[in-house]
Amino acid sequence: MSCPICDGETDQKYRPFCSRRCADIDLAKWLSGSYATPSSDPEDIEKAYEALENSPVSKPH
């Protein structure tokens, strides 16, 4: 099995990754939403639009 981030040989300690670095890269992708699948459901789009309209506008410091 190879590391899904760098294709290196996996390490049992970090499996399925080869190192802590690659595991952290994967975690960052999850946290940033890089692995999210866009929805084309009209109801989801309406909810997202409403959330944007109702969110307070933040001003730069």
N, C-alpha and C. Protein backbone atom coordinates (compact mmCIF):
# COMPACT_ATOMS: atom_id res chain seq x y z
N MET A 1 0.85 -1.17 0.00
CA MET A 1 0.00 0.00 0.00
C MET A 1 0.89 1.24 0.00
N SER A 2 0.51 2.23 -0.78
CA SER A 2 1.31 3.46 -0.83
C SER A 2 0.55 4.62 -0.20
N CYS A 3 1.29 5.60 0.25
CA CYS A 3 0.73 6.79 0.89
C CYS A 3 -0.15 7.54 -0.12
N PRO A 4 -1.37 7.91 0.27
CA PRO A 4 -2.25 8.62 -0.65
C PRO A 4 -1.81 10.06 -0.94
N ILE A 5 -0.89 10.59 -0.16
CA ILE A 5 -0.43 11.96 -0.36
C ILE A 5 0.80 12.01 -1.26
N CYS A 6 1.81 11.18 -0.97
CA CYS A 6 3.07 11.27 -1.71
C CYS A 6 3.45 9.99 -2.46
N ASP A 7 2.65 8.95 -2.35
CA ASP A 7 2.89 7.65 -2.98
C ASP A 7 4.10 6.90 -2.41
N GLY A 8 4.59 7.35 -1.25
CA GLY A 8 5.69 6.66 -0.59
C GLY A 8 5.21 5.40 0.11
N GLU A 9 6.14 4.62 0.60
CA GLU A 9 5.83 3.39 1.34
C GLU A 9 5.19 3.77 2.68
N THR A 10 4.10 3.12 3.03
CA THR A 10 3.42 3.46 4.28
C THR A 10 4.19 2.97 5.49
N ASP A 11 3.97 3.65 6.60
CA ASP A 11 4.57 3.29 7.88
C ASP A 11 3.43 2.82 8.77
N GLN A 12 3.60 1.69 9.43
CA GLN A 12 2.55 1.12 10.27
C GLN A 12 2.06 2.13 11.30
N LYS A 13 2.95 2.95 11.82
CA LYS A 13 2.58 3.94 12.85
C LYS A 13 1.61 4.99 12.32
N TYR A 14 1.75 5.35 11.04
CA TYR A 14 0.93 6.43 10.46
C TYR A 14 -0.02 5.92 9.38
N ARG A 15 -0.19 4.64 9.28
CA ARG A 15 -0.98 4.04 8.23
C ARG A 15 -2.34 4.69 8.07
N PRO A 16 -2.77 5.04 6.91
CA PRO A 16 -2.30 4.69 5.57
C PRO A 16 -1.25 5.63 5.01
N PHE A 17 -0.69 6.48 5.85
CA PHE A 17 0.30 7.45 5.40
C PHE A 17 1.71 6.96 5.66
N CYS A 18 2.69 7.67 5.11
CA CYS A 18 4.09 7.28 5.29
C CYS A 18 4.73 8.01 6.47
N SER A 19 4.13 9.14 6.86
CA SER A 19 4.74 9.95 7.91
C SER A 19 3.69 10.84 8.57
N ARG A 20 4.10 11.45 9.64
CA ARG A 20 3.23 12.40 10.34
C ARG A 20 2.93 13.59 9.43
N ARG A 21 3.92 14.00 8.64
CA ARG A 21 3.76 15.13 7.72
C ARG A 21 2.62 14.88 6.74
N CYS A 22 2.59 13.71 6.11
CA CYS A 22 1.54 13.40 5.15
C CYS A 22 0.18 13.27 5.85
N ALA A 23 0.17 12.72 7.06
CA ALA A 23 -1.08 12.64 7.82
C ALA A 23 -1.61 14.03 8.13
N ASP A 24 -0.72 14.95 8.49
CA ASP A 24 -1.12 16.32 8.78
C ASP A 24 -1.61 17.04 7.52
N ILE A 25 -0.99 16.78 6.38
CA ILE A 25 -1.44 17.38 5.12
C ILE A 25 -2.86 16.92 4.82
N ASP A 26 -3.12 15.63 5.01
CA ASP A 26 -4.46 15.09 4.79
C ASP A 26 -5.47 15.72 5.73
N LEU A 27 -5.11 15.85 7.01
CA LEU A 27 -6.00 16.47 7.99
C LEU A 27 -6.31 17.91 7.60
N ALA A 28 -5.32 18.65 7.15
CA ALA A 28 -5.53 20.04 6.72
C ALA A 28 -6.49 20.11 5.54
N LYS A 29 -6.41 19.14 4.65
CA LYS A 29 -7.34 19.12 3.51
C LYS A 29 -8.77 18.90 3.99
N TRP A 30 -8.94 18.02 4.96
CA TRP A 30 -10.28 17.79 5.51
C TRP A 30 -10.80 19.05 6.20
N LEU A 31 -9.95 19.68 7.01
CA LEU A 31 -10.38 20.85 7.77
C LEU A 31 -10.67 22.06 6.90
N SER A 32 -9.96 22.18 5.78
CA SER A 32 -10.17 23.32 4.90
C SER A 32 -11.33 23.11 3.93
N GLY A 33 -11.86 21.89 3.87
CA GLY A 33 -12.97 21.61 2.98
C GLY A 33 -12.54 21.18 1.58
N SER A 34 -11.27 20.90 1.40
CA SER A 34 -10.78 20.48 0.08
C SER A 34 -11.40 19.18 -0.39
N TYR A 35 -11.83 18.34 0.53
CA TYR A 35 -12.42 17.06 0.15
C TYR A 35 -13.94 17.15 0.02
N ALA A 36 -14.51 18.31 0.18
CA ALA A 36 -15.96 18.47 0.09
C ALA A 36 -16.44 18.27 -1.34
N THR A 37 -17.60 17.68 -1.47
CA THR A 37 -18.21 17.48 -2.78
C THR A 37 -19.30 18.53 -2.95
N PRO A 38 -19.22 19.34 -4.00
CA PRO A 38 -20.24 20.37 -4.20
C PRO A 38 -21.62 19.76 -4.42
N SER A 39 -22.62 20.42 -3.92
CA SER A 39 -23.99 19.95 -4.07
C SER A 39 -24.70 20.77 -5.14
N SER A 40 -25.53 20.11 -5.91
CA SER A 40 -26.34 20.82 -6.89
C SER A 40 -27.81 20.80 -6.49
N ASP A 41 -28.07 20.37 -5.26
CA ASP A 41 -29.43 20.33 -4.74
C ASP A 41 -29.91 21.76 -4.50
N PRO A 42 -30.99 22.16 -5.15
CA PRO A 42 -31.49 23.55 -4.99
C PRO A 42 -31.74 23.95 -3.54
N GLU A 43 -32.19 22.99 -2.72
CA GLU A 43 -32.45 23.31 -1.31
C GLU A 43 -31.15 23.67 -0.59
N ASP A 44 -30.06 22.97 -0.87
CA ASP A 44 -28.77 23.27 -0.26
C ASP A 44 -28.28 24.65 -0.70
N ILE A 45 -28.47 24.97 -1.96
CA ILE A 45 -28.04 26.27 -2.49
C ILE A 45 -28.82 27.39 -1.82
N GLU A 46 -30.13 27.20 -1.65
CA GLU A 46 -30.96 28.22 -0.99
C GLU A 46 -30.52 28.43 0.46
N LYS A 47 -30.23 27.35 1.18
CA LYS A 47 -29.79 27.47 2.57
C LYS A 47 -28.46 28.20 2.66
N ALA A 48 -27.56 27.90 1.74
CA ALA A 48 -26.25 28.57 1.75
C ALA A 48 -26.42 30.05 1.45
N TYR A 49 -27.27 30.40 0.52
CA TYR A 49 -27.51 31.80 0.17
C TYR A 49 -28.13 32.55 1.34
N GLU A 50 -29.09 31.92 2.01
CA GLU A 50 -29.72 32.55 3.17
C GLU A 50 -28.70 32.76 4.29
N ALA A 51 -27.83 31.80 4.50
CA ALA A 51 -26.81 31.92 5.54
C ALA A 51 -25.88 33.08 5.23
N LEU A 52 -25.53 33.27 3.96
CA LEU A 52 -24.68 34.40 3.57
C LEU A 52 -25.39 35.73 3.80
N GLU A 53 -26.65 35.79 3.45
CA GLU A 53 -27.42 37.02 3.62
C GLU A 53 -27.57 37.39 5.09
N ASN A 54 -27.71 36.39 5.96
CA ASN A 54 -27.96 36.64 7.37
C ASN A 54 -26.69 36.76 8.21
N SER A 55 -25.54 36.50 7.62
CA SER A 55 -24.30 36.57 8.38
C SER A 55 -23.87 38.02 8.55
N PRO A 56 -23.33 38.36 9.72
CA PRO A 56 -22.85 39.73 9.93
C PRO A 56 -21.62 40.01 9.06
N VAL A 57 -21.56 41.21 8.56
CA VAL A 57 -20.43 41.61 7.72
C VAL A 57 -19.28 41.95 8.64
N SER A 58 -18.15 41.29 8.42
CA SER A 58 -16.98 41.58 9.25
C SER A 58 -16.10 42.59 8.53
N LYS A 59 -15.65 43.58 9.28
CA LYS A 59 -14.80 44.62 8.72
C LYS A 59 -13.34 44.32 9.06
N PRO A 60 -12.42 44.62 8.15
CA PRO A 60 -11.01 44.40 8.46
C PRO A 60 -10.56 45.27 9.62
N HIS A 61 -9.62 44.79 10.37
CA HIS A 61 -9.11 45.52 11.56
C HIS A 61 -8.27 46.66 11.15
